[in-house]
Amino acid sequence: MAPKTTATTIDDALRSFVADYVKAGRTITAVAEAAGIGQPALSKFLSGAQKTLKLENAEALANACGTTLKQLAPKTPSPLEGE
């Protein structure tokens, strides 16, 4: 599944992507188990009560949903572009 997001941070992009993944039929519990993270932590992250995840948990979560953090990273111009 190709991520489509206008999020400004990788946390926002991951939160949005996972929320869409859950809306498509997976439960939060199933996603958390597939990622190897606790369901309470995932629920807090998705609700915004927890602002960020540890890098290893974020990567595992992205992978469990069929994407990578690199694919979710907001597109910003490189400082070298235009030279």
N, C-alpha and C. Protein backbone atom coordinates (compact mmCIF):
# COMPACT_ATOMS: atom_id res chain seq x y z
N MET A 1 0.86 -1.16 0.00
CA MET A 1 0.00 0.00 0.00
C MET A 1 0.90 1.23 0.00
N ALA A 2 0.72 2.10 -0.96
CA ALA A 2 1.55 3.30 -1.05
C ALA A 2 1.01 4.39 -0.14
N PRO A 3 1.86 4.89 0.75
CA PRO A 3 1.40 5.94 1.66
C PRO A 3 1.07 7.23 0.92
N LYS A 4 -0.04 7.83 1.26
CA LYS A 4 -0.43 9.13 0.71
C LYS A 4 -0.77 10.01 1.90
N THR A 5 0.08 10.98 2.17
CA THR A 5 -0.15 11.82 3.33
C THR A 5 0.41 13.22 3.09
N THR A 6 -0.18 14.18 3.78
CA THR A 6 0.33 15.54 3.73
C THR A 6 0.86 15.93 5.12
N ALA A 7 1.14 14.93 5.94
CA ALA A 7 1.62 15.17 7.30
C ALA A 7 2.95 15.91 7.27
N THR A 8 3.19 16.68 8.32
CA THR A 8 4.42 17.46 8.38
C THR A 8 5.52 16.79 9.20
N THR A 9 5.19 15.78 9.98
CA THR A 9 6.20 15.03 10.72
C THR A 9 6.03 13.55 10.44
N ILE A 10 7.08 12.80 10.67
CA ILE A 10 6.98 11.37 10.46
C ILE A 10 6.02 10.73 11.46
N ASP A 11 5.95 11.27 12.67
CA ASP A 11 4.98 10.76 13.65
C ASP A 11 3.55 10.96 13.16
N ASP A 12 3.25 12.15 12.63
CA ASP A 12 1.92 12.41 12.09
C ASP A 12 1.62 11.51 10.90
N ALA A 13 2.61 11.32 10.04
CA ALA A 13 2.42 10.46 8.87
C ALA A 13 2.16 9.02 9.30
N LEU A 14 2.93 8.53 10.27
CA LEU A 14 2.74 7.17 10.75
C LEU A 14 1.38 7.02 11.43
N ARG A 15 1.03 7.99 12.24
CA ARG A 15 -0.27 7.96 12.92
C ARG A 15 -1.42 7.90 11.89
N SER A 16 -1.35 8.73 10.88
CA SER A 16 -2.38 8.77 9.85
C SER A 16 -2.43 7.46 9.05
N PHE A 17 -1.26 6.96 8.69
CA PHE A 17 -1.19 5.73 7.91
C PHE A 17 -1.76 4.55 8.69
N VAL A 18 -1.36 4.43 9.96
CA VAL A 18 -1.85 3.32 10.78
C VAL A 18 -3.36 3.45 11.01
N ALA A 19 -3.83 4.67 11.24
CA ALA A 19 -5.28 4.88 11.43
C ALA A 19 -6.04 4.43 10.19
N ASP A 20 -5.53 4.76 9.00
CA ASP A 20 -6.17 4.31 7.76
C ASP A 20 -6.13 2.79 7.64
N TYR A 21 -5.02 2.21 8.05
CA TYR A 21 -4.85 0.76 8.01
C TYR A 21 -5.87 0.09 8.92
N VAL A 22 -6.10 0.67 10.09
CA VAL A 22 -7.09 0.13 11.03
C VAL A 22 -8.49 0.30 10.45
N LYS A 23 -8.77 1.46 9.86
CA LYS A 23 -10.09 1.69 9.25
C LYS A 23 -10.37 0.69 8.13
N ALA A 24 -9.31 0.18 7.49
CA ALA A 24 -9.47 -0.77 6.40
C ALA A 24 -9.77 -2.19 6.89
N GLY A 25 -9.83 -2.38 8.22
CA GLY A 25 -10.26 -3.68 8.71
C GLY A 25 -9.40 -4.35 9.75
N ARG A 26 -8.18 -3.87 9.98
CA ARG A 26 -7.35 -4.46 11.03
C ARG A 26 -7.71 -3.84 12.37
N THR A 27 -7.58 -4.61 13.42
CA THR A 27 -7.82 -4.06 14.75
C THR A 27 -6.52 -3.47 15.29
N ILE A 28 -6.66 -2.54 16.21
CA ILE A 28 -5.47 -1.95 16.84
C ILE A 28 -4.67 -3.05 17.53
N THR A 29 -5.35 -3.99 18.15
CA THR A 29 -4.68 -5.09 18.83
C THR A 29 -3.88 -5.93 17.84
N ALA A 30 -4.45 -6.24 16.68
CA ALA A 30 -3.75 -7.04 15.67
C ALA A 30 -2.53 -6.30 15.12
N VAL A 31 -2.67 -5.00 14.90
CA VAL A 31 -1.53 -4.21 14.42
C VAL A 31 -0.44 -4.17 15.47
N ALA A 32 -0.81 -3.94 16.72
CA ALA A 32 0.17 -3.89 17.81
C ALA A 32 0.89 -5.22 17.94
N GLU A 33 0.16 -6.32 17.87
CA GLU A 33 0.78 -7.64 17.97
C GLU A 33 1.73 -7.89 16.80
N ALA A 34 1.31 -7.53 15.59
CA ALA A 34 2.17 -7.71 14.41
C ALA A 34 3.45 -6.89 14.52
N ALA A 35 3.35 -5.73 15.15
CA ALA A 35 4.52 -4.86 15.31
C ALA A 35 5.35 -5.22 16.53
N GLY A 36 4.79 -6.03 17.42
CA GLY A 36 5.50 -6.39 18.64
C GLY A 36 5.55 -5.27 19.67
N ILE A 37 4.52 -4.41 19.64
CA ILE A 37 4.44 -3.35 20.64
C ILE A 37 3.13 -3.50 21.41
N GLY A 38 3.05 -2.89 22.55
CA GLY A 38 1.85 -3.00 23.38
C GLY A 38 0.66 -2.24 22.79
N GLN A 39 -0.50 -2.84 22.90
CA GLN A 39 -1.73 -2.20 22.41
C GLN A 39 -2.01 -0.89 23.11
N PRO A 40 -1.78 -0.79 24.44
CA PRO A 40 -2.02 0.50 25.09
C PRO A 40 -1.12 1.61 24.53
N ALA A 41 0.14 1.27 24.26
CA ALA A 41 1.06 2.27 23.70
C ALA A 41 0.61 2.70 22.31
N LEU A 42 0.16 1.75 21.50
CA LEU A 42 -0.31 2.08 20.16
C LEU A 42 -1.56 2.95 20.24
N SER A 43 -2.48 2.61 21.12
CA SER A 43 -3.70 3.40 21.27
C SER A 43 -3.38 4.84 21.70
N LYS A 44 -2.46 4.99 22.65
CA LYS A 44 -2.06 6.32 23.09
C LYS A 44 -1.41 7.10 21.96
N PHE A 45 -0.58 6.43 21.16
CA PHE A 45 0.08 7.09 20.03
C PHE A 45 -0.96 7.54 19.00
N LEU A 46 -1.89 6.64 18.65
CA LEU A 46 -2.90 6.98 17.64
C LEU A 46 -3.81 8.11 18.09
N SER A 47 -4.09 8.18 19.39
CA SER A 47 -4.98 9.23 19.90
C SER A 47 -4.27 10.57 20.06
N GLY A 48 -2.94 10.52 20.03
CA GLY A 48 -2.16 11.74 20.22
C GLY A 48 -1.77 11.97 21.67
N ALA A 49 -2.22 11.11 22.58
CA ALA A 49 -1.86 11.24 23.99
C ALA A 49 -0.36 11.01 24.17
N GLN A 50 0.21 10.17 23.32
CA GLN A 50 1.66 9.95 23.28
C GLN A 50 2.13 10.54 21.97
N LYS A 51 3.00 11.53 22.03
CA LYS A 51 3.39 12.28 20.83
C LYS A 51 4.29 11.52 19.88
N THR A 52 5.18 10.69 20.41
CA THR A 52 6.12 9.97 19.56
C THR A 52 6.27 8.53 20.02
N LEU A 53 6.89 7.74 19.16
CA LEU A 53 7.26 6.37 19.49
C LEU A 53 8.77 6.26 19.44
N LYS A 54 9.32 5.29 20.15
CA LYS A 54 10.74 5.00 20.00
C LYS A 54 10.97 4.60 18.54
N LEU A 55 12.15 4.90 18.03
CA LEU A 55 12.45 4.63 16.62
C LEU A 55 12.21 3.18 16.25
N GLU A 56 12.66 2.26 17.11
CA GLU A 56 12.49 0.84 16.77
C GLU A 56 11.01 0.45 16.74
N ASN A 57 10.19 1.04 17.61
CA ASN A 57 8.75 0.76 17.59
C ASN A 57 8.08 1.38 16.37
N ALA A 58 8.51 2.58 16.00
CA ALA A 58 7.94 3.23 14.82
C ALA A 58 8.26 2.42 13.56
N GLU A 59 9.49 1.94 13.45
CA GLU A 59 9.88 1.14 12.28
C GLU A 59 9.11 -0.18 12.26
N ALA A 60 8.98 -0.83 13.41
CA ALA A 60 8.23 -2.08 13.48
C ALA A 60 6.76 -1.86 13.12
N LEU A 61 6.21 -0.76 13.57
CA LEU A 61 4.81 -0.43 13.26
C LEU A 61 4.62 -0.18 11.78
N ALA A 62 5.51 0.59 11.19
CA ALA A 62 5.43 0.84 9.74
C ALA A 62 5.54 -0.48 8.97
N ASN A 63 6.49 -1.32 9.36
CA ASN A 63 6.68 -2.60 8.68
C ASN A 63 5.46 -3.50 8.82
N ALA A 64 4.84 -3.51 10.00
CA ALA A 64 3.65 -4.33 10.22
C ALA A 64 2.49 -3.89 9.33
N CYS A 65 2.51 -2.63 8.92
CA CYS A 65 1.46 -2.10 8.05
C CYS A 65 1.87 -2.10 6.58
N GLY A 66 3.01 -2.71 6.28
CA GLY A 66 3.42 -2.86 4.89
C GLY A 66 4.13 -1.66 4.28
N THR A 67 4.75 -0.84 5.11
CA THR A 67 5.47 0.32 4.58
C THR A 67 6.75 0.49 5.40
N THR A 68 7.46 1.56 5.16
CA THR A 68 8.68 1.88 5.91
C THR A 68 8.61 3.33 6.36
N LEU A 69 9.42 3.67 7.34
CA LEU A 69 9.48 5.07 7.77
C LEU A 69 9.98 5.96 6.64
N LYS A 70 10.89 5.45 5.84
CA LYS A 70 11.40 6.24 4.72
C LYS A 70 10.27 6.60 3.76
N GLN A 71 9.39 5.64 3.48
CA GLN A 71 8.26 5.92 2.59
C GLN A 71 7.29 6.92 3.20
N LEU A 72 7.19 6.92 4.52
CA LEU A 72 6.26 7.82 5.20
C LEU A 72 6.83 9.21 5.45
N ALA A 73 8.14 9.33 5.36
CA ALA A 73 8.79 10.61 5.68
C ALA A 73 8.25 11.71 4.79
N PRO A 74 7.88 12.84 5.39
CA PRO A 74 7.40 13.97 4.59
C PRO A 74 8.47 14.38 3.58
N LYS A 75 8.01 14.70 2.40
CA LYS A 75 8.93 15.10 1.34
C LYS A 75 9.34 16.55 1.54
N THR A 76 10.61 16.74 1.76
CA THR A 76 11.14 18.09 1.89
C THR A 76 12.26 18.25 0.88
N PRO A 77 12.40 19.42 0.31
CA PRO A 77 13.45 19.61 -0.67
C PRO A 77 14.83 19.50 -0.03
N SER A 78 15.72 18.90 -0.75
CA SER A 78 17.09 18.80 -0.28
C SER A 78 17.76 20.15 -0.38
N PRO A 79 18.62 20.49 0.58
CA PRO A 79 19.34 21.77 0.48
C PRO A 79 20.26 21.81 -0.74
N LEU A 80 20.55 20.65 -1.30
CA LEU A 80 21.42 20.60 -2.47
C LEU A 80 20.66 20.76 -3.78
N GLU A 81 19.32 20.63 -3.73
CA GLU A 81 18.53 20.80 -4.95
C GLU A 81 18.62 22.23 -5.43
N GLY A 82 18.69 22.38 -6.71
CA GLY A 82 18.71 23.71 -7.30
C GLY A 82 20.10 24.26 -7.47
N GLU A 83 21.11 23.50 -7.09
CA GLU A 83 22.49 23.98 -7.28
C GLU A 83 22.98 23.62 -8.64
